[in-house]
Amino acid sequence: MADFKRKPGESFESFLRKFKKGLKNSKRLETAREKQFHAKKETKRIRKLKALTGLKLRKEREYLRKTGKLPEEGMNN
């Protein structure tokens, strides 16, 4: 891990230039950006669980709608 400290009398611009160069050479920023947009693939088990959860919620909503505890979807209240 790179450690950056500003030396006494060092201008901010030179410190910033040193910081950017050190960060680029350490590859930390590059790996962080790669991880940021890399999405893990969902496993088959996770997909099944999500599908089953969705089915369960749809059944519950349909039951509540039929029993009158939820308003009809087409009506404006």
N, C-alpha and C. Protein backbone atom coordinates (compact mmCIF):
# COMPACT_ATOMS: atom_id res chain seq x y z
N MET A 1 0.84 -1.18 0.00
CA MET A 1 0.00 0.00 0.00
C MET A 1 0.89 1.24 0.00
N ALA A 2 0.54 2.18 -0.83
CA ALA A 2 1.33 3.40 -0.94
C ALA A 2 0.91 4.37 0.17
N ASP A 3 1.91 5.02 0.76
CA ASP A 3 1.66 5.97 1.83
C ASP A 3 2.19 7.32 1.37
N PHE A 4 1.33 8.32 1.35
CA PHE A 4 1.70 9.63 0.83
C PHE A 4 1.59 10.66 1.94
N LYS A 5 2.71 11.38 2.16
CA LYS A 5 2.71 12.47 3.13
C LYS A 5 3.37 13.67 2.48
N ARG A 6 2.82 14.80 2.75
CA ARG A 6 3.34 16.04 2.18
C ARG A 6 4.56 16.49 2.99
N LYS A 7 5.65 16.73 2.29
CA LYS A 7 6.88 17.16 2.96
C LYS A 7 6.79 18.64 3.30
N PRO A 8 7.49 19.08 4.33
CA PRO A 8 7.48 20.52 4.67
C PRO A 8 8.05 21.34 3.52
N GLY A 9 7.34 22.40 3.15
CA GLY A 9 7.79 23.27 2.07
C GLY A 9 7.42 22.78 0.69
N GLU A 10 6.82 21.59 0.56
CA GLU A 10 6.44 21.06 -0.75
C GLU A 10 5.14 21.71 -1.20
N SER A 11 5.09 22.13 -2.45
CA SER A 11 3.87 22.77 -2.94
C SER A 11 2.77 21.71 -3.10
N PHE A 12 1.55 22.18 -3.07
CA PHE A 12 0.42 21.25 -3.19
C PHE A 12 0.40 20.60 -4.56
N GLU A 13 0.75 21.35 -5.60
CA GLU A 13 0.75 20.82 -6.96
C GLU A 13 1.75 19.67 -7.12
N SER A 14 2.94 19.85 -6.56
CA SER A 14 3.94 18.78 -6.68
C SER A 14 3.51 17.56 -5.85
N PHE A 15 2.91 17.81 -4.69
CA PHE A 15 2.41 16.70 -3.88
C PHE A 15 1.30 15.95 -4.62
N LEU A 16 0.40 16.70 -5.25
CA LEU A 16 -0.70 16.08 -5.99
C LEU A 16 -0.16 15.26 -7.16
N ARG A 17 0.84 15.78 -7.85
CA ARG A 17 1.46 15.07 -8.97
C ARG A 17 2.10 13.78 -8.47
N LYS A 18 2.81 13.84 -7.34
CA LYS A 18 3.45 12.66 -6.74
C LYS A 18 2.38 11.65 -6.31
N PHE A 19 1.29 12.15 -5.74
CA PHE A 19 0.21 11.27 -5.28
C PHE A 19 -0.42 10.53 -6.45
N LYS A 20 -0.73 11.25 -7.53
CA LYS A 20 -1.37 10.63 -8.70
C LYS A 20 -0.46 9.59 -9.33
N LYS A 21 0.82 9.92 -9.45
CA LYS A 21 1.77 8.98 -10.05
C LYS A 21 1.92 7.73 -9.18
N GLY A 22 1.99 7.91 -7.88
CA GLY A 22 2.11 6.77 -6.97
C GLY A 22 0.86 5.91 -6.98
N LEU A 23 -0.29 6.55 -7.06
CA LEU A 23 -1.55 5.80 -7.10
C LEU A 23 -1.66 4.99 -8.38
N LYS A 24 -1.23 5.59 -9.48
CA LYS A 24 -1.28 4.89 -10.76
C LYS A 24 -0.33 3.70 -10.76
N ASN A 25 0.87 3.88 -10.18
CA ASN A 25 1.85 2.79 -10.15
C ASN A 25 1.45 1.68 -9.19
N SER A 26 0.68 2.00 -8.17
CA SER A 26 0.29 0.96 -7.20
C SER A 26 -0.86 0.10 -7.71
N LYS A 27 -1.53 0.53 -8.77
CA LYS A 27 -2.64 -0.21 -9.41
C LYS A 27 -3.86 -0.37 -8.50
N ARG A 28 -3.91 0.33 -7.39
CA ARG A 28 -5.05 0.22 -6.48
C ARG A 28 -6.31 0.79 -7.10
N LEU A 29 -6.19 1.96 -7.74
CA LEU A 29 -7.35 2.61 -8.34
C LEU A 29 -7.90 1.77 -9.49
N GLU A 30 -6.99 1.21 -10.28
CA GLU A 30 -7.40 0.38 -11.41
C GLU A 30 -8.18 -0.85 -10.94
N THR A 31 -7.68 -1.53 -9.93
CA THR A 31 -8.38 -2.72 -9.43
C THR A 31 -9.71 -2.35 -8.78
N ALA A 32 -9.77 -1.20 -8.12
CA ALA A 32 -11.03 -0.77 -7.50
C ALA A 32 -12.08 -0.50 -8.56
N ARG A 33 -11.68 0.14 -9.66
CA ARG A 33 -12.63 0.42 -10.74
C ARG A 33 -13.09 -0.85 -11.42
N GLU A 34 -12.19 -1.83 -11.57
CA GLU A 34 -12.59 -3.11 -12.16
C GLU A 34 -13.63 -3.80 -11.28
N LYS A 35 -13.40 -3.79 -9.98
CA LYS A 35 -14.33 -4.45 -9.06
C LYS A 35 -15.68 -3.74 -9.02
N GLN A 36 -15.67 -2.43 -9.20
CA GLN A 36 -16.89 -1.63 -9.10
C GLN A 36 -17.93 -2.07 -10.13
N PHE A 37 -17.49 -2.39 -11.34
CA PHE A 37 -18.44 -2.70 -12.40
C PHE A 37 -18.52 -4.18 -12.72
N HIS A 38 -17.80 -5.00 -12.00
CA HIS A 38 -17.83 -6.43 -12.24
C HIS A 38 -18.93 -7.06 -11.39
N ALA A 39 -19.93 -7.60 -12.05
CA ALA A 39 -21.02 -8.24 -11.31
C ALA A 39 -20.82 -9.75 -11.34
N LYS A 40 -20.98 -10.37 -10.18
CA LYS A 40 -20.85 -11.81 -10.12
C LYS A 40 -22.06 -12.45 -10.81
N LYS A 41 -21.82 -13.59 -11.43
CA LYS A 41 -22.92 -14.32 -12.06
C LYS A 41 -23.79 -14.94 -10.97
N GLU A 42 -25.09 -14.89 -11.21
CA GLU A 42 -25.99 -15.52 -10.24
C GLU A 42 -25.94 -17.03 -10.42
N THR A 43 -25.92 -17.75 -9.32
CA THR A 43 -25.92 -19.19 -9.42
C THR A 43 -27.34 -19.67 -9.70
N LYS A 44 -27.42 -20.89 -10.13
CA LYS A 44 -28.72 -21.46 -10.46
C LYS A 44 -29.62 -21.49 -9.23
N ARG A 45 -29.03 -21.77 -8.08
CA ARG A 45 -29.79 -21.84 -6.83
C ARG A 45 -30.38 -20.48 -6.48
N ILE A 46 -29.60 -19.42 -6.64
CA ILE A 46 -30.07 -18.07 -6.33
C ILE A 46 -31.20 -17.68 -7.28
N ARG A 47 -31.05 -17.99 -8.57
CA ARG A 47 -32.11 -17.67 -9.54
C ARG A 47 -33.41 -18.38 -9.17
N LYS A 48 -33.31 -19.63 -8.77
CA LYS A 48 -34.49 -20.39 -8.38
C LYS A 48 -35.16 -19.78 -7.16
N LEU A 49 -34.34 -19.40 -6.16
CA LEU A 49 -34.90 -18.79 -4.95
C LEU A 49 -35.62 -17.48 -5.26
N LYS A 50 -35.02 -16.66 -6.14
CA LYS A 50 -35.67 -15.40 -6.52
C LYS A 50 -36.98 -15.65 -7.25
N ALA A 51 -37.00 -16.65 -8.13
CA ALA A 51 -38.22 -16.97 -8.87
C ALA A 51 -39.30 -17.46 -7.93
N LEU A 52 -38.93 -18.31 -6.98
CA LEU A 52 -39.92 -18.83 -6.02
C LEU A 52 -40.45 -17.71 -5.12
N THR A 53 -39.59 -16.79 -4.73
CA THR A 53 -40.02 -15.66 -3.91
C THR A 53 -41.00 -14.79 -4.67
N GLY A 54 -40.71 -14.55 -5.95
CA GLY A 54 -41.61 -13.75 -6.78
C GLY A 54 -42.97 -14.42 -6.93
N LEU A 55 -42.98 -15.73 -7.14
CA LEU A 55 -44.25 -16.46 -7.25
C LEU A 55 -45.05 -16.37 -5.96
N LYS A 56 -44.36 -16.51 -4.84
CA LYS A 56 -45.04 -16.45 -3.55
C LYS A 56 -45.67 -15.07 -3.33
N LEU A 57 -44.91 -14.01 -3.65
CA LEU A 57 -45.44 -12.66 -3.48
C LEU A 57 -46.64 -12.40 -4.40
N ARG A 58 -46.54 -12.89 -5.64
CA ARG A 58 -47.66 -12.72 -6.57
C ARG A 58 -48.92 -13.42 -6.06
N LYS A 59 -48.75 -14.63 -5.51
CA LYS A 59 -49.90 -15.36 -4.97
C LYS A 59 -50.52 -14.61 -3.79
N GLU A 60 -49.66 -14.08 -2.91
CA GLU A 60 -50.17 -13.34 -1.76
C GLU A 60 -50.93 -12.09 -2.20
N ARG A 61 -50.37 -11.35 -3.17
CA ARG A 61 -51.05 -10.15 -3.67
C ARG A 61 -52.38 -10.48 -4.34
N GLU A 62 -52.39 -11.58 -5.09
CA GLU A 62 -53.63 -11.99 -5.76
C GLU A 62 -54.69 -12.37 -4.73
N TYR A 63 -54.28 -13.06 -3.67
CA TYR A 63 -55.22 -13.44 -2.62
C TYR A 63 -55.78 -12.19 -1.94
N LEU A 64 -54.90 -11.24 -1.60
CA LEU A 64 -55.36 -10.01 -0.96
C LEU A 64 -56.28 -9.21 -1.87
N ARG A 65 -55.98 -9.21 -3.17
CA ARG A 65 -56.83 -8.48 -4.11
C ARG A 65 -58.21 -9.14 -4.21
N LYS A 66 -58.24 -10.47 -4.23
CA LYS A 66 -59.51 -11.19 -4.34
C LYS A 66 -60.35 -11.04 -3.08
N THR A 67 -59.70 -10.96 -1.92
CA THR A 67 -60.46 -10.82 -0.67
C THR A 67 -60.85 -9.37 -0.41
N GLY A 68 -60.41 -8.43 -1.24
CA GLY A 68 -60.80 -7.03 -1.10
C GLY A 68 -59.91 -6.22 -0.20
N LYS A 69 -58.80 -6.77 0.23
CA LYS A 69 -57.89 -6.03 1.11
C LYS A 69 -56.94 -5.14 0.31
N LEU A 70 -56.82 -5.38 -0.98
CA LEU A 70 -56.05 -4.51 -1.87
C LEU A 70 -57.00 -4.00 -2.95
N PRO A 71 -56.83 -2.75 -3.38
CA PRO A 71 -57.72 -2.24 -4.43
C PRO A 71 -57.40 -2.91 -5.76
N GLU A 72 -58.39 -2.88 -6.66
CA GLU A 72 -58.21 -3.44 -8.00
C GLU A 72 -57.13 -2.63 -8.71
N GLU A 73 -56.40 -3.27 -9.59
CA GLU A 73 -55.29 -2.60 -10.26
C GLU A 73 -55.77 -1.55 -11.25
N GLY A 74 -56.89 -1.77 -11.91
CA GLY A 74 -57.37 -0.85 -12.93
C GLY A 74 -58.09 0.37 -12.39
N MET A 75 -58.45 0.35 -11.11
CA MET A 75 -59.23 1.46 -10.52
C MET A 75 -58.31 2.56 -10.06
N ASN A 76 -58.76 3.81 -10.22
CA ASN A 76 -58.02 4.97 -9.70
C ASN A 76 -58.65 5.41 -8.40
N ASN A 77 -57.90 5.34 -7.31
CA ASN A 77 -58.42 5.74 -6.00
C ASN A 77 -57.88 7.05 -5.58
